[in-house]
Amino acid sequence: MRTLFLFLAVISILIGCNTSKESAKTNQMLSIVHVTSFGHCRGYCIKEIHFSSSSLDYKEISRDSINFPVKATNEKFTQTQLDELAAQIDWKKWEALDSVIGCPDCADRGAEYLIINTEKGSKKVMYDAHSTPEGLENILKTIREKRRVFERQEENKGE
């Protein structure tokens, strides 16, 4: 009887491990959003870049929408590109991050946040602007480079 119980326990553990590996593989990436915000600035204080399986959208937003209307641009983006971007995340470190790191936008130093949406849910992590939480070095480097490209395009439109 003990042997049967031990055998069933081992089988249950193995099935459970296999199921969790399968569910991790099917955890489809839906979108990644990165936002920078400065609470007491004039002009375009909020910059948002949104990666999804169909498009890459960039917005510059002001708290004064009359004098500074939203600037928006987008380009095609694929699920493959989204998966490549997501592969730059250290998922164990991402899961361990607190939802707020440091003192975002204290003393008007600005804030950044990253939102990752998957089929299993979403998580938002907010941190001091221009800082890089551990585990996000690669993805933030890529996102910030892409944001700079969009910022330059917006600057060139104004000339």
C-alpha atoms as a PDB file:
ATOM      1  CA  MET A   1       0.000   0.000   0.000  1.00  0.00           C
ATOM      2  CA  ARG A   2       2.834   2.391   0.844  1.00  0.00           C
ATOM      3  CA  THR A   3       4.493   1.656  -2.483  1.00  0.00           C
ATOM      4  CA  LEU A   4       1.281   2.422  -4.356  1.00  0.00           C
ATOM      5  CA  PHE A   5       0.874   5.715  -2.461  1.00  0.00           C
ATOM      6  CA  LEU A   6       4.505   6.677  -3.159  1.00  0.00           C
ATOM      7  CA  PHE A   7       4.102   5.774  -6.831  1.00  0.00           C
ATOM      8  CA  LEU A   8       0.941   7.907  -7.134  1.00  0.00           C
ATOM      9  CA  ALA A   9       2.626  10.834  -5.363  1.00  0.00           C
ATOM     10  CA  VAL A  10       5.606  10.729  -7.743  1.00  0.00           C
ATOM     11  CA  ILE A  11       3.327  10.514 -10.794  1.00  0.00           C
ATOM     12  CA  SER A  12       1.282  13.490  -9.520  1.00  0.00           C
ATOM     13  CA  ILE A  13       4.421  15.579  -9.056  1.00  0.00           C
ATOM     14  CA  LEU A  14       5.714  14.716 -12.519  1.00  0.00           C
ATOM     15  CA  ILE A  15       2.383  15.526 -14.145  1.00  0.00           C
ATOM     16  CA  GLY A  16       2.244  18.810 -12.236  1.00  0.00           C
ATOM     17  CA  CYS A  17       5.736  19.779 -13.378  1.00  0.00           C
ATOM     18  CA  ASN A  18       4.935  18.924 -16.983  1.00  0.00           C
ATOM     19  CA  THR A  19       1.698  20.922 -16.851  1.00  0.00           C
ATOM     20  CA  SER A  20       3.458  24.029 -15.504  1.00  0.00           C
ATOM     21  CA  LYS A  21       6.090  23.810 -18.255  1.00  0.00           C
ATOM     22  CA  GLU A  22       3.363  23.545 -20.880  1.00  0.00           C
ATOM     23  CA  SER A  23       1.414  26.470 -19.447  1.00  0.00           C
ATOM     24  CA  ALA A  24       4.570  28.612 -19.426  1.00  0.00           C
ATOM     25  CA  LYS A  25       5.043  27.866 -23.115  1.00  0.00           C
ATOM     26  CA  THR A  26       1.475  28.929 -23.907  1.00  0.00           C
ATOM     27  CA  ASN A  27       1.652  32.169 -21.918  1.00  0.00           C
ATOM     28  CA  GLN A  28       1.240  34.338 -25.023  1.00  0.00           C
ATOM     29  CA  MET A  29       2.676  37.855 -24.898  1.00  0.00           C
ATOM     30  CA  LEU A  30      -0.083  40.390 -25.655  1.00  0.00           C
ATOM     31  CA  SER A  31       1.605  43.766 -25.223  1.00  0.00           C
ATOM     32  CA  ILE A  32       4.360  45.771 -23.597  1.00  0.00           C
ATOM     33  CA  VAL A  33       3.850  49.415 -22.635  1.00  0.00           C
ATOM     34  CA  HIS A  34       6.594  51.802 -21.507  1.00  0.00           C
ATOM     35  CA  VAL A  35       5.799  55.292 -20.236  1.00  0.00           C
ATOM     36  CA  THR A  36       7.928  58.190 -19.046  1.00  0.00           C
ATOM     37  CA  SER A  37       6.263  60.973 -17.091  1.00  0.00           C
ATOM     38  CA  PHE A  38       7.389  64.176 -15.451  1.00  0.00           C
ATOM     39  CA  GLY A  39       4.826  65.698 -13.099  1.00  0.00           C
ATOM     40  CA  HIS A  40       5.764  69.375 -13.199  1.00  0.00           C
ATOM     41  CA  CYS A  41       6.921  70.058 -16.719  1.00  0.00           C
ATOM     42  CA  ARG A  42       5.574  72.135 -19.563  1.00  0.00           C
ATOM     43  CA  GLY A  43       4.981  70.735 -22.980  1.00  0.00           C
ATOM     44  CA  TYR A  44       4.986  67.042 -23.695  1.00  0.00           C
ATOM     45  CA  CYS A  45       5.548  65.559 -20.239  1.00  0.00           C
ATOM     46  CA  ILE A  46       4.327  62.034 -20.970  1.00  0.00           C
ATOM     47  CA  LYS A  47       5.803  59.754 -23.615  1.00  0.00           C
ATOM     48  CA  GLU A  48       4.290  56.353 -24.212  1.00  0.00           C
ATOM     49  CA  ILE A  49       5.391  53.515 -26.438  1.00  0.00           C
ATOM     50  CA  HIS A  50       3.055  50.548 -26.862  1.00  0.00           C
ATOM     51  CA  PHE A  51       4.201  47.289 -28.473  1.00  0.00           C
ATOM     52  CA  SER A  52       1.516  44.798 -29.563  1.00  0.00           C
ATOM     53  CA  SER A  53       1.270  41.909 -32.001  1.00  0.00           C
ATOM     54  CA  SER A  54      -0.046  44.211 -34.744  1.00  0.00           C
ATOM     55  CA  SER A  55       1.462  47.652 -34.190  1.00  0.00           C
ATOM     56  CA  LEU A  56       4.004  49.791 -32.416  1.00  0.00           C
ATOM     57  CA  ASP A  57       2.378  53.023 -31.238  1.00  0.00           C
ATOM     58  CA  TYR A  58       4.163  56.081 -29.903  1.00  0.00           C
ATOM     59  CA  LYS A  59       2.492  59.089 -28.239  1.00  0.00           C
ATOM     60  CA  GLU A  60       3.660  62.340 -26.727  1.00  0.00           C
ATOM     61  CA  ILE A  61       1.063  63.753 -24.344  1.00  0.00           C
ATOM     62  CA  SER A  62       0.763  67.046 -22.486  1.00  0.00           C
ATOM     63  CA  ARG A  63      -1.332  68.021 -19.517  1.00  0.00           C
ATOM     64  CA  ASP A  64      -2.178  71.129 -21.582  1.00  0.00           C
ATOM     65  CA  SER A  65      -3.969  69.464 -24.511  1.00  0.00           C
ATOM     66  CA  ILE A  66      -5.107  72.793 -25.960  1.00  0.00           C
ATOM     67  CA  ASN A  67      -1.629  74.216 -26.565  1.00  0.00           C
ATOM     68  CA  PHE A  68       0.005  70.816 -26.962  1.00  0.00           C
ATOM     69  CA  PRO A  69      -2.257  68.335 -28.771  1.00  0.00           C
ATOM     70  CA  VAL A  70      -1.340  64.656 -28.600  1.00  0.00           C
ATOM     71  CA  LYS A  71       1.333  63.646 -31.076  1.00  0.00           C
ATOM     72  CA  ALA A  72       0.965  60.069 -32.236  1.00  0.00           C
ATOM     73  CA  THR A  73       2.639  57.816 -34.734  1.00  0.00           C
ATOM     74  CA  ASN A  74       2.713  54.106 -35.355  1.00  0.00           C
ATOM     75  CA  GLU A  75       4.245  51.390 -37.440  1.00  0.00           C
ATOM     76  CA  LYS A  76       3.631  47.737 -38.138  1.00  0.00           C
ATOM     77  CA  PHE A  77       4.818  45.281 -35.500  1.00  0.00           C
ATOM     78  CA  THR A  78       4.404  41.508 -35.419  1.00  0.00           C
ATOM     79  CA  GLN A  79       3.930  38.825 -32.788  1.00  0.00           C
ATOM     80  CA  THR A  80       7.403  37.533 -33.667  1.00  0.00           C
ATOM     81  CA  GLN A  81       8.916  40.953 -32.956  1.00  0.00           C
ATOM     82  CA  LEU A  82       6.927  41.172 -29.720  1.00  0.00           C
ATOM     83  CA  ASP A  83       8.194  37.749 -28.655  1.00  0.00           C
ATOM     84  CA  GLU A  84      11.779  38.808 -29.473  1.00  0.00           C
ATOM     85  CA  LEU A  85      11.330  41.903 -27.308  1.00  0.00           C
ATOM     86  CA  ALA A  86       9.855  39.833 -24.477  1.00  0.00           C
ATOM     87  CA  ALA A  87      12.809  37.426 -24.689  1.00  0.00           C
ATOM     88  CA  GLN A  88      14.995  40.289 -23.414  1.00  0.00           C
ATOM     89  CA  ILE A  89      13.297  40.146 -19.995  1.00  0.00           C
ATOM     90  CA  ASP A  90      14.728  38.173 -17.114  1.00  0.00           C
ATOM     91  CA  TRP A  91      11.347  36.707 -16.122  1.00  0.00           C
ATOM     92  CA  LYS A  92      12.387  35.486 -12.673  1.00  0.00           C
ATOM     93  CA  LYS A  93      13.636  38.957 -11.771  1.00  0.00           C
ATOM     94  CA  TRP A  94      10.546  40.575 -13.363  1.00  0.00           C
ATOM     95  CA  GLU A  95       8.223  38.470 -11.231  1.00  0.00           C
ATOM     96  CA  ALA A  96      10.210  39.375  -8.110  1.00  0.00           C
ATOM     97  CA  LEU A  97      10.086  43.151  -8.721  1.00  0.00           C
ATOM     98  CA  ASP A  98       7.873  45.292  -6.517  1.00  0.00           C
ATOM     99  CA  SER A  99       5.186  47.347  -8.240  1.00  0.00           C
ATOM    100  CA  VAL A 100       6.941  50.564  -7.119  1.00  0.00           C
ATOM    101  CA  ILE A 101      10.723  50.892  -6.910  1.00  0.00           C
ATOM    102  CA  GLY A 102      12.343  53.958  -5.385  1.00  0.00           C
ATOM    103  CA  CYS A 103      10.376  57.202  -5.313  1.00  0.00           C
ATOM    104  CA  PRO A 104       9.078  57.754  -8.841  1.00  0.00           C
ATOM    105  CA  ASP A 105       8.545  61.435  -9.705  1.00  0.00           C
ATOM    106  CA  CYS A 106       9.538  62.624  -6.230  1.00  0.00           C
ATOM    107  CA  ALA A 107      11.053  66.098  -6.374  1.00  0.00           C
ATOM    108  CA  ASP A 108      10.069  66.092 -10.072  1.00  0.00           C
ATOM    109  CA  ARG A 109      12.795  63.636 -11.021  1.00  0.00           C
ATOM    110  CA  GLY A 110      10.321  61.847 -13.241  1.00  0.00           C
ATOM    111  CA  ALA A 111       8.943  58.349 -13.369  1.00  0.00           C
ATOM    112  CA  GLU A 112       8.965  55.468 -15.774  1.00  0.00           C
ATOM    113  CA  TYR A 113       6.833  52.406 -15.806  1.00  0.00           C
ATOM    114  CA  LEU A 114       6.663  49.183 -17.713  1.00  0.00           C
ATOM    115  CA  ILE A 115       3.458  47.194 -18.141  1.00  0.00           C
ATOM    116  CA  ILE A 116       3.633  43.669 -19.480  1.00  0.00           C
ATOM    117  CA  ASN A 117       0.391  41.998 -20.541  1.00  0.00           C
ATOM    118  CA  THR A 118       0.209  38.267 -21.202  1.00  0.00           C
ATOM    119  CA  GLU A 119      -2.683  35.855 -21.508  1.00  0.00           C
ATOM    120  CA  LYS A 120      -2.195  35.064 -17.817  1.00  0.00           C
ATOM    121  CA  GLY A 121      -2.485  38.659 -16.667  1.00  0.00           C
ATOM    122  CA  SER A 122      -0.669  41.942 -16.442  1.00  0.00           C
ATOM    123  CA  LYS A 123       1.959  43.515 -14.218  1.00  0.00           C
ATOM    124  CA  LYS A 124       3.043  47.132 -13.886  1.00  0.00           C
ATOM    125  CA  VAL A 125       6.356  48.213 -12.366  1.00  0.00           C
ATOM    126  CA  MET A 126       6.995  51.933 -11.714  1.00  0.00           C
ATOM    127  CA  TYR A 127      10.460  53.305 -10.948  1.00  0.00           C
ATOM    128  CA  ASP A 128      12.561  56.480 -11.017  1.00  0.00           C
ATOM    129  CA  ALA A 129      13.047  57.952 -14.487  1.00  0.00           C
ATOM    130  CA  HIS A 130      16.326  57.001 -16.174  1.00  0.00           C
ATOM    131  CA  SER A 131      16.964  54.187 -13.704  1.00  0.00           C
ATOM    132  CA  THR A 132      17.082  50.549 -14.716  1.00  0.00           C
ATOM    133  CA  PRO A 133      15.655  47.916 -12.387  1.00  0.00           C
ATOM    134  CA  GLU A 134      17.660  44.699 -12.252  1.00  0.00           C
ATOM    135  CA  GLY A 135      16.524  42.206 -14.870  1.00  0.00           C
ATOM    136  CA  LEU A 136      15.211  44.887 -17.248  1.00  0.00           C
ATOM    137  CA  GLU A 137      18.536  46.146 -18.595  1.00  0.00           C
ATOM    138  CA  ASN A 138      18.205  44.621 -22.073  1.00  0.00           C
ATOM    139  CA  ILE A 139      14.553  45.369 -22.734  1.00  0.00           C
ATOM    140  CA  LEU A 140      14.816  48.940 -21.448  1.00  0.00           C
ATOM    141  CA  LYS A 141      17.855  49.589 -23.618  1.00  0.00           C
ATOM    142  CA  THR A 142      15.899  48.436 -26.684  1.00  0.00           C
ATOM    143  CA  ILE A 143      12.731  50.352 -25.749  1.00  0.00           C
ATOM    144  CA  ARG A 144      14.618  53.567 -24.957  1.00  0.00           C
ATOM    145  CA  GLU A 145      16.494  53.389 -28.259  1.00  0.00           C
ATOM    146  CA  LYS A 146      13.217  52.973 -30.149  1.00  0.00           C
ATOM    147  CA  ARG A 147      11.641  55.850 -28.212  1.00  0.00           C
ATOM    148  CA  ARG A 148      14.579  58.102 -29.162  1.00  0.00           C
ATOM    149  CA  VAL A 149      13.999  57.244 -32.839  1.00  0.00           C
ATOM    150  CA  PHE A 150      10.348  58.297 -32.534  1.00  0.00           C
ATOM    151  CA  GLU A 151      11.318  61.468 -30.615  1.00  0.00           C
ATOM    152  CA  ARG A 152      13.727  62.459 -33.410  1.00  0.00           C
ATOM    153  CA  GLN A 153      11.018  61.814 -36.012  1.00  0.00           C
ATOM    154  CA  GLU A 154       8.610  64.062 -34.089  1.00  0.00           C
ATOM    155  CA  GLU A 155      11.278  66.783 -33.804  1.00  0.00           C
ATOM    156  CA  ASN A 156      11.930  66.596 -37.551  1.00  0.00           C
ATOM    157  CA  LYS A 157       8.200  66.964 -38.314  1.00  0.00           C
ATOM    158  CA  GLY A 158       8.245  70.320 -36.519  1.00  0.00           C
ATOM    159  CA  GLU A 159      11.077  71.715 -38.624  1.00  0.00           C
END
